[in-house]
Amino acid sequence: MLKLKVSGMTCGHCAQAVRKALAGVPEVERVVEVSVERGEAILEGAPLPKALVEAVREEGYQAEVVS
C-alpha cells in the first residue's frame, strides 16, 4: 500500500475529487481511503509517485508520497 499526505482538502467533495484523480492514474489498483480529517490517501498498486502527485495537483491540492 502507498500513503500520500494531501493538503488542501476541506470537505467530502474534495476527498471525492482526490479519489477520482488517483483512481485514474495508471497502475493504481484501488483507492482504499481518502481522509479529509487526516489529510491522507491510501491506495494499492504500483503507480509512479510523480504521477500520483501530479494527478492530485491537477485537482488543486498538494500531495507527497510518504510511504
C-alpha atoms as a PDB file:
ATOM      1  CA  MET A   1       0.000   0.000   0.000  1.00  0.00           C
ATOM      2  CA  LEU A   2       1.019   3.566  -0.651  1.00  0.00           C
ATOM      3  CA  LYS A   3       0.210   6.550   1.528  1.00  0.00           C
ATOM      4  CA  LEU A   4       0.070  10.137   0.369  1.00  0.00           C
ATOM      5  CA  LYS A   5      -0.105  13.230   2.519  1.00  0.00           C
ATOM      6  CA  VAL A   6      -2.689  15.502   0.895  1.00  0.00           C
ATOM      7  CA  SER A   7      -3.195  19.129   1.888  1.00  0.00           C
ATOM      8  CA  GLY A   8      -5.976  21.491   0.940  1.00  0.00           C
ATOM      9  CA  MET A   9      -8.933  19.123   1.330  1.00  0.00           C
ATOM     10  CA  THR A  10     -11.759  20.608   3.407  1.00  0.00           C
ATOM     11  CA  CYS A  11     -14.842  18.511   2.651  1.00  0.00           C
ATOM     12  CA  GLY A  12     -16.248  15.310   1.231  1.00  0.00           C
ATOM     13  CA  HIS A  13     -16.322  16.802  -2.259  1.00  0.00           C
ATOM     14  CA  CYS A  14     -12.571  17.423  -2.002  1.00  0.00           C
ATOM     15  CA  ALA A  15     -11.972  13.826  -0.939  1.00  0.00           C
ATOM     16  CA  GLN A  16     -14.082  12.552  -3.825  1.00  0.00           C
ATOM     17  CA  ALA A  17     -12.124  14.670  -6.318  1.00  0.00           C
ATOM     18  CA  VAL A  18      -8.824  13.313  -4.972  1.00  0.00           C
ATOM     19  CA  ARG A  19     -10.150   9.736  -5.012  1.00  0.00           C
ATOM     20  CA  LYS A  20     -11.262  10.068  -8.643  1.00  0.00           C
ATOM     21  CA  ALA A  21      -7.946  11.648  -9.685  1.00  0.00           C
ATOM     22  CA  LEU A  22      -5.909   8.895  -8.029  1.00  0.00           C
ATOM     23  CA  ALA A  23      -8.105   6.143  -9.468  1.00  0.00           C
ATOM     24  CA  GLY A  24      -7.308   7.457 -12.943  1.00  0.00           C
ATOM     25  CA  VAL A  25      -3.539   7.070 -12.542  1.00  0.00           C
ATOM     26  CA  PRO A  26      -2.090   4.070 -14.424  1.00  0.00           C
ATOM     27  CA  GLU A  27      -1.148   1.141 -12.173  1.00  0.00           C
ATOM     28  CA  VAL A  28      -3.450   2.206  -9.310  1.00  0.00           C
ATOM     29  CA  GLU A  29      -5.336  -0.963  -8.439  1.00  0.00           C
ATOM     30  CA  ARG A  30      -7.611   0.500  -5.775  1.00  0.00           C
ATOM     31  CA  VAL A  31      -8.002   3.694  -3.766  1.00  0.00           C
ATOM     32  CA  VAL A  32      -8.507   2.309  -0.262  1.00  0.00           C
ATOM     33  CA  GLU A  33      -9.279   5.554   1.559  1.00  0.00           C
ATOM     34  CA  VAL A  34      -9.123   9.328   1.261  1.00  0.00           C
ATOM     35  CA  SER A  35      -9.422  11.047   4.642  1.00  0.00           C
ATOM     36  CA  VAL A  36     -10.087  14.773   4.946  1.00  0.00           C
ATOM     37  CA  GLU A  37      -9.555  14.600   8.716  1.00  0.00           C
ATOM     38  CA  ARG A  38      -6.094  13.005   8.475  1.00  0.00           C
ATOM     39  CA  GLY A  39      -5.168  14.684   5.186  1.00  0.00           C
ATOM     40  CA  GLU A  40      -4.127  11.452   3.571  1.00  0.00           C
ATOM     41  CA  ALA A  41      -4.900   8.987   0.831  1.00  0.00           C
ATOM     42  CA  ILE A  42      -4.133   5.278   0.887  1.00  0.00           C
ATOM     43  CA  LEU A  43      -4.045   3.172  -2.247  1.00  0.00           C
ATOM     44  CA  GLU A  44      -2.910  -0.142  -3.673  1.00  0.00           C
ATOM     45  CA  GLY A  45      -0.885  -0.730  -6.790  1.00  0.00           C
ATOM     46  CA  ALA A  46       2.469   0.239  -8.251  1.00  0.00           C
ATOM     47  CA  PRO A  47       1.981   3.670  -9.839  1.00  0.00           C
ATOM     48  CA  LEU A  48       4.757   6.172 -10.361  1.00  0.00           C
ATOM     49  CA  PRO A  49       4.856   8.510  -7.325  1.00  0.00           C
ATOM     50  CA  LYS A  50       5.274  11.526  -9.614  1.00  0.00           C
ATOM     51  CA  ALA A  51       2.070  10.591 -11.456  1.00  0.00           C
ATOM     52  CA  LEU A  52       0.121  10.439  -8.176  1.00  0.00           C
ATOM     53  CA  VAL A  53       1.363  13.844  -7.040  1.00  0.00           C
ATOM     54  CA  GLU A  54       0.613  15.385 -10.426  1.00  0.00           C
ATOM     55  CA  ALA A  55      -2.928  13.940 -10.520  1.00  0.00           C
ATOM     56  CA  VAL A  56      -3.691  15.449  -7.114  1.00  0.00           C
ATOM     57  CA  ARG A  57      -2.142  18.806  -8.067  1.00  0.00           C
ATOM     58  CA  GLU A  58      -4.289  18.948 -11.202  1.00  0.00           C
ATOM     59  CA  GLU A  59      -7.330  18.851  -8.898  1.00  0.00           C
ATOM     60  CA  GLY A  60      -5.985  21.834  -6.931  1.00  0.00           C
ATOM     61  CA  TYR A  61      -4.468  20.081  -3.905  1.00  0.00           C
ATOM     62  CA  GLN A  62      -0.907  19.403  -2.761  1.00  0.00           C
ATOM     63  CA  ALA A  63       0.415  15.895  -2.215  1.00  0.00           C
ATOM     64  CA  GLU A  64       3.540  13.973  -1.353  1.00  0.00           C
ATOM     65  CA  VAL A  65       4.137  10.243  -1.139  1.00  0.00           C
ATOM     66  CA  VAL A  66       5.081   9.328   2.451  1.00  0.00           C
ATOM     67  CA  SER A  67       5.228   5.532   2.247  1.00  0.00           C
END
